[in-house]
């Protein structure tokens, strides 16, 4: 939003009018500018690291709902918020286990959700549309349902398959056609292999409406298709977790695999 401010200044009997312009993003009361919903594709994760059973039917699941400052950074200062209370999530457990599962062995789902609440949810409470801890998780589930990512992709014949490759450009254009906004694609890859679609990141304003994601790329794959493990400094958001050295990165231009679960084809 473009904001204009007018000031008057009187000097030596003459009044000067000063016009100041600036861009305002998000809510002036927030320490962040927009929310980013990260949806993870389980078959990619589980082809790179050991996983617990994937909930069926297989679909995109939530990694997190992240308050974000421009261009694409984690907020540095958020107001204190109530501690994580697992008992209050009882009403949401069936949905959380289905659509926000912990897929990494030797870790607890409540630890995963506690991490997301502590690192991101408490900042999200600065949004007047998110009222408390339960509402943070419930709103995340609602936004995921609103996206219906797999359903929308399959409706335009973009299916998980190992029999063909899509391209970054095609997937970005398809998503823009469906939703009317630009999203961010993150991939995992192995040495000298085609990147696999891992996460789709979708941006919302404080009113929880779709907006374009900022196109800053904090790192990328080099042209010689080197290993995901060594191409860029990992941020907390991009770490796969579970003791793995893999880190998600912005998908490069060119071919991308949108894999099915093993033996799905």
Protein backbone atom coordinates (compact mmCIF):
# COMPACT_ATOMS: atom_id res chain seq x y z
CA UNK A 1 0.00 0.00 0.00
CA UNK A 2 1.35 3.42 -0.95
CA UNK A 3 0.91 5.99 1.82
CA UNK A 4 1.14 9.76 1.42
CA UNK A 5 1.82 12.09 4.34
CA UNK A 6 1.62 15.88 4.14
CA UNK A 7 3.49 18.19 6.49
CA UNK A 8 3.45 21.98 6.63
CA UNK A 9 6.49 23.96 7.65
CA UNK A 10 6.55 27.71 8.19
CA UNK A 11 9.86 29.51 7.74
CA UNK A 12 10.35 33.29 7.55
CA UNK A 13 6.65 33.83 6.95
CA UNK A 14 6.45 31.31 4.08
CA UNK A 15 4.57 28.03 4.44
CA UNK A 16 6.15 25.01 2.76
CA UNK A 17 4.21 21.80 2.17
CA UNK A 18 6.23 18.62 2.32
CA UNK A 19 4.96 15.43 0.72
CA UNK A 20 6.42 12.19 2.03
CA UNK A 21 5.67 8.82 0.49
CA UNK A 22 6.43 5.34 1.66
CA UNK A 23 5.21 1.81 1.20
CA UNK A 24 3.34 0.19 4.07
CA UNK A 25 3.10 -3.58 4.27
CA UNK A 26 1.03 -5.66 6.63
CA UNK A 27 -0.13 -4.13 9.90
CA UNK A 28 1.71 -1.25 11.52
CA UNK A 29 1.34 -3.01 14.88
CA UNK A 30 3.11 -6.15 13.68
CA UNK A 31 6.81 -6.92 13.79
CA UNK A 32 6.33 -8.72 10.46
CA UNK A 33 4.80 -8.04 7.05
CA UNK A 34 3.03 -11.18 5.87
CA UNK A 35 2.36 -14.84 6.66
CA UNK A 36 3.91 -17.70 4.74
CA UNK A 37 2.24 -21.13 4.73
CA UNK A 38 4.71 -23.90 3.89
CA UNK A 39 3.14 -27.09 2.52
CA UNK A 40 5.39 -30.13 2.29
CA UNK A 41 5.13 -33.05 -0.15
CA UNK A 42 5.72 -36.23 1.94
CA UNK A 43 6.91 -38.56 -0.86
CA UNK A 44 9.86 -36.25 -1.53
CA UNK A 45 10.78 -36.06 2.15
CA UNK A 46 10.54 -39.81 2.57
CA UNK A 47 12.66 -40.53 -0.49
CA UNK A 48 15.52 -38.55 1.09
CA UNK A 49 15.24 -39.46 4.78
CA UNK A 50 13.72 -42.18 6.92
CA UNK A 51 10.06 -41.47 7.68
CA UNK A 52 7.23 -42.69 9.82
CA UNK A 53 4.14 -43.89 7.89
CA UNK A 54 2.59 -41.14 5.79
CA UNK A 55 -1.08 -40.42 6.60
CA UNK A 56 -3.44 -41.57 3.86
CA UNK A 57 -4.75 -40.38 1.52
CA UNK A 58 -1.37 -38.88 0.65
CA UNK A 59 -1.52 -35.11 0.30
CA UNK A 60 0.48 -31.97 0.98
CA UNK A 61 0.95 -31.47 4.72
CA UNK A 62 1.80 -28.41 6.77
CA UNK A 63 5.36 -27.59 7.70
CA UNK A 64 4.45 -24.28 9.31
CA UNK A 65 2.67 -20.94 9.16
CA UNK A 66 5.39 -18.33 9.46
CA UNK A 67 5.17 -14.60 10.10
CA UNK A 68 7.74 -13.08 7.75
CA UNK A 69 9.39 -9.70 7.28
CA UNK A 70 10.27 -8.33 3.88
CA UNK A 71 11.83 -9.56 1.79
CA UNK A 72 11.88 -13.08 3.30
CA UNK A 73 13.23 -13.05 6.83
CA UNK A 74 12.12 -14.26 10.24
CA UNK A 75 10.99 -11.45 12.56
CA UNK A 76 13.53 -10.54 15.20
CA UNK A 77 11.24 -9.27 17.93
CA UNK A 78 7.84 -10.67 18.84
CA UNK A 79 5.69 -10.00 21.87
CA UNK A 80 5.65 -12.64 24.63
CA UNK A 81 2.93 -15.25 24.21
CA UNK A 82 1.44 -18.03 26.35
CA UNK A 83 3.53 -21.22 26.51
CA UNK A 84 2.64 -24.25 24.42
CA UNK A 85 -0.19 -26.25 26.05
CA UNK A 86 -0.60 -29.66 24.44
CA UNK A 87 -3.85 -30.37 26.27
CA UNK A 88 -5.57 -27.50 24.49
CA UNK A 89 -4.88 -29.14 21.12
CA UNK A 90 -7.00 -32.20 21.93
CA UNK A 91 -9.91 -30.90 19.87
CA UNK A 92 -7.66 -30.55 16.80
CA UNK A 93 -5.65 -33.77 17.13
CA UNK A 94 -7.39 -35.74 14.34
CA UNK A 95 -6.78 -32.91 11.86
CA UNK A 96 -3.25 -32.22 13.08
CA UNK A 97 -2.24 -35.86 12.79
CA UNK A 98 -3.64 -35.98 9.26
CA UNK A 99 -2.58 -32.62 7.84
CA UNK A 100 0.27 -31.45 10.13
CA UNK A 101 1.97 -34.73 11.02
CA UNK A 102 5.46 -35.32 12.30
CA UNK A 103 7.00 -37.65 9.71
CA UNK A 104 10.45 -38.01 11.26
CA UNK A 105 11.18 -41.00 13.50
CA UNK A 106 12.44 -40.67 17.05
CA UNK A 107 10.66 -37.36 17.52
CA UNK A 108 7.29 -36.56 19.00
CA UNK A 109 4.50 -34.73 17.15
CA UNK A 110 3.95 -32.49 20.15
CA UNK A 111 7.62 -31.48 20.06
CA UNK A 112 7.20 -30.53 16.40
CA UNK A 113 4.09 -28.47 17.09
CA UNK A 114 5.68 -26.89 20.17
CA UNK A 115 8.64 -25.83 18.03
CA UNK A 116 6.35 -24.26 15.42
CA UNK A 117 4.37 -22.45 18.12
CA UNK A 118 7.43 -21.14 19.92
CA UNK A 119 9.28 -20.03 16.78
CA UNK A 120 6.35 -18.79 14.70
CA UNK A 121 2.94 -19.04 16.35
CA UNK A 122 3.60 -16.56 19.11
CA UNK A 123 4.55 -13.96 16.48
CA UNK A 124 1.38 -14.74 14.53
CA UNK A 125 -0.71 -13.61 17.51
CA UNK A 126 0.06 -10.05 16.40
CA UNK A 127 -2.46 -10.71 13.61
CA UNK A 128 -5.92 -9.69 14.92
CA UNK A 129 -7.39 -12.64 13.01
CA UNK A 130 -5.39 -15.13 15.13
CA UNK A 131 -6.50 -15.01 18.74
CA UNK A 132 -4.60 -17.68 20.68
CA UNK A 133 -2.55 -20.88 20.40
CA UNK A 134 -5.46 -23.11 19.35
CA UNK A 135 -6.56 -20.55 16.79
CA UNK A 136 -3.04 -20.43 15.32
CA UNK A 137 -3.12 -24.16 14.60
CA UNK A 138 -6.75 -24.05 13.49
CA UNK A 139 -6.14 -21.13 11.12
CA UNK A 140 -3.16 -22.97 9.65
CA UNK A 141 -5.37 -25.99 8.99
CA UNK A 142 -8.03 -23.76 7.44
CA UNK A 143 -5.53 -22.08 5.13
CA UNK A 144 -4.22 -25.45 4.01
CA UNK A 145 -7.79 -26.54 3.23
CA UNK A 146 -8.41 -23.26 1.41
CA UNK A 147 -5.43 -23.98 -0.85
CA UNK A 148 -6.35 -27.62 -1.62
CA UNK A 149 -3.01 -27.77 -3.39
CA UNK A 150 -3.01 -31.36 -4.63
CA UNK A 151 -6.64 -31.20 -5.69
CA UNK A 152 -6.06 -28.03 -7.69
CA UNK A 153 -2.91 -29.36 -9.34
CA UNK A 154 -4.47 -32.66 -10.37
CA UNK A 155 -7.48 -30.79 -11.77
CA UNK A 156 -5.14 -29.26 -14.37
CA UNK A 157 -3.34 -32.57 -15.03
CA UNK A 158 -0.30 -31.99 -12.83
CA UNK A 159 0.02 -35.37 -11.14
CA UNK A 160 2.74 -36.94 -8.99
CA UNK A 161 4.70 -39.22 -11.31
CA UNK A 162 8.14 -40.63 -12.00
CA UNK A 163 7.30 -41.11 -15.66
CA UNK A 164 7.82 -37.49 -16.66
CA UNK A 165 9.41 -34.26 -15.47
CA UNK A 166 7.75 -30.89 -15.08
CA UNK A 167 9.65 -27.63 -15.21
CA UNK A 168 9.92 -24.92 -12.61
CA UNK A 169 8.51 -22.41 -15.07
CA UNK A 170 5.48 -24.59 -15.85
CA UNK A 171 4.64 -25.25 -12.20
CA UNK A 172 4.96 -21.59 -11.21
CA UNK A 173 2.71 -20.57 -14.11
CA UNK A 174 0.12 -23.25 -13.30
CA UNK A 175 -0.05 -22.14 -9.67
CA UNK A 176 -0.34 -18.50 -10.72
CA UNK A 177 -3.19 -19.36 -13.08
CA UNK A 178 -5.05 -21.26 -10.34
CA UNK A 179 -4.57 -18.88 -7.43
CA UNK A 180 -3.77 -15.56 -9.09
CA UNK A 181 -0.59 -15.05 -7.04
CA UNK A 182 3.06 -16.00 -7.23
CA UNK A 183 4.19 -18.77 -4.89
CA UNK A 184 7.62 -20.17 -3.99
CA UNK A 185 8.82 -23.68 -4.79
CA UNK A 186 11.48 -25.44 -2.74
CA UNK A 187 13.28 -28.62 -3.74
CA UNK A 188 15.56 -31.37 -2.48
CA UNK A 189 18.12 -33.04 -4.73
CA UNK A 190 20.94 -35.52 -4.78
CA UNK A 191 24.27 -35.29 -6.56
CA UNK A 192 23.81 -35.10 -10.36
CA UNK A 193 20.07 -35.81 -10.10
CA UNK A 194 16.99 -33.79 -10.98
CA UNK A 195 15.55 -31.73 -8.10
CA UNK A 196 12.41 -33.08 -6.42
CA UNK A 197 9.53 -30.78 -5.48
CA UNK A 198 9.54 -30.61 -1.68
CA UNK A 199 7.58 -27.57 -0.49
CA UNK A 200 5.20 -24.99 -1.90
CA UNK A 201 5.21 -21.76 0.09
CA UNK A 202 2.11 -19.58 -0.12
CA UNK A 203 1.82 -16.03 1.18
CA UNK A 204 -1.07 -14.27 2.92
CA UNK A 205 -1.66 -10.78 4.26
CA UNK A 206 -2.91 -10.10 7.79
CA UNK A 207 -6.48 -10.56 6.55
CA UNK A 208 -5.48 -14.08 5.45
CA UNK A 209 -5.96 -13.29 1.76
CA UNK A 210 -3.61 -14.65 -0.91
CA UNK A 211 -0.80 -12.28 -1.93
CA UNK A 212 2.30 -12.61 -4.10
CA UNK A 213 5.31 -14.05 -2.34
CA UNK A 214 8.45 -11.95 -2.52
CA UNK A 215 10.78 -13.40 -5.13
CA UNK A 216 14.03 -13.09 -3.19
CA UNK A 217 16.07 -16.28 -3.51
CA UNK A 218 18.40 -16.72 -0.58
CA UNK A 219 20.39 -19.42 -2.37
CA UNK A 220 20.11 -21.86 -5.25
CA UNK A 221 21.45 -24.86 -7.06
CA UNK A 222 24.61 -24.44 -9.05
CA UNK A 223 24.61 -25.27 -12.73
CA UNK A 224 26.59 -28.49 -12.29
CA UNK A 225 23.82 -30.06 -10.20
CA UNK A 226 25.83 -30.45 -7.04
CA UNK A 227 24.41 -32.04 -3.91
CA UNK A 228 21.70 -30.30 -1.90
CA UNK A 229 23.79 -30.80 1.22
CA UNK A 230 26.52 -28.39 0.21
CA UNK A 231 25.05 -25.64 -1.97
CA UNK A 232 24.03 -22.96 0.51
CA UNK A 233 23.91 -22.04 4.14
CA UNK A 234 20.86 -23.66 5.69
CA UNK A 235 18.29 -21.57 7.53
CA UNK A 236 16.12 -23.03 10.27
CA UNK A 237 13.08 -22.96 8.01
CA UNK A 238 14.84 -24.93 5.29
CA UNK A 239 16.35 -27.72 7.37
CA UNK A 240 14.77 -31.11 6.74
CA UNK A 241 15.31 -32.17 10.35
CA UNK A 242 15.64 -35.57 11.95
CA UNK A 243 19.42 -35.35 12.01
CA UNK A 244 19.57 -35.11 8.21
CA UNK A 245 22.11 -32.84 6.56
CA UNK A 246 19.69 -32.08 3.72
CA UNK A 247 18.34 -28.58 3.38
CA UNK A 248 15.57 -27.37 1.09
CA UNK A 249 16.42 -24.66 -1.41
CA UNK A 250 14.53 -22.63 -4.00
CA UNK A 251 13.89 -24.86 -6.99
CA UNK A 252 16.03 -23.94 -10.01
CA UNK A 253 14.85 -23.21 -13.51
CA UNK A 254 14.42 -26.32 -15.60
CA UNK A 255 13.25 -29.87 -14.87
CA UNK A 256 11.64 -30.81 -11.55
CA UNK A 257 10.30 -34.19 -10.44
CA UNK A 258 6.97 -34.25 -8.59
CA UNK A 259 7.34 -37.80 -7.26
CA UNK A 260 4.66 -40.24 -6.20
CA UNK A 261 5.07 -42.45 -3.19
CA UNK A 262 7.07 -45.55 -4.13
CA UNK A 263 4.92 -47.95 -6.16
CA UNK A 264 2.13 -45.39 -6.64
CA UNK A 265 2.60 -45.35 -10.41
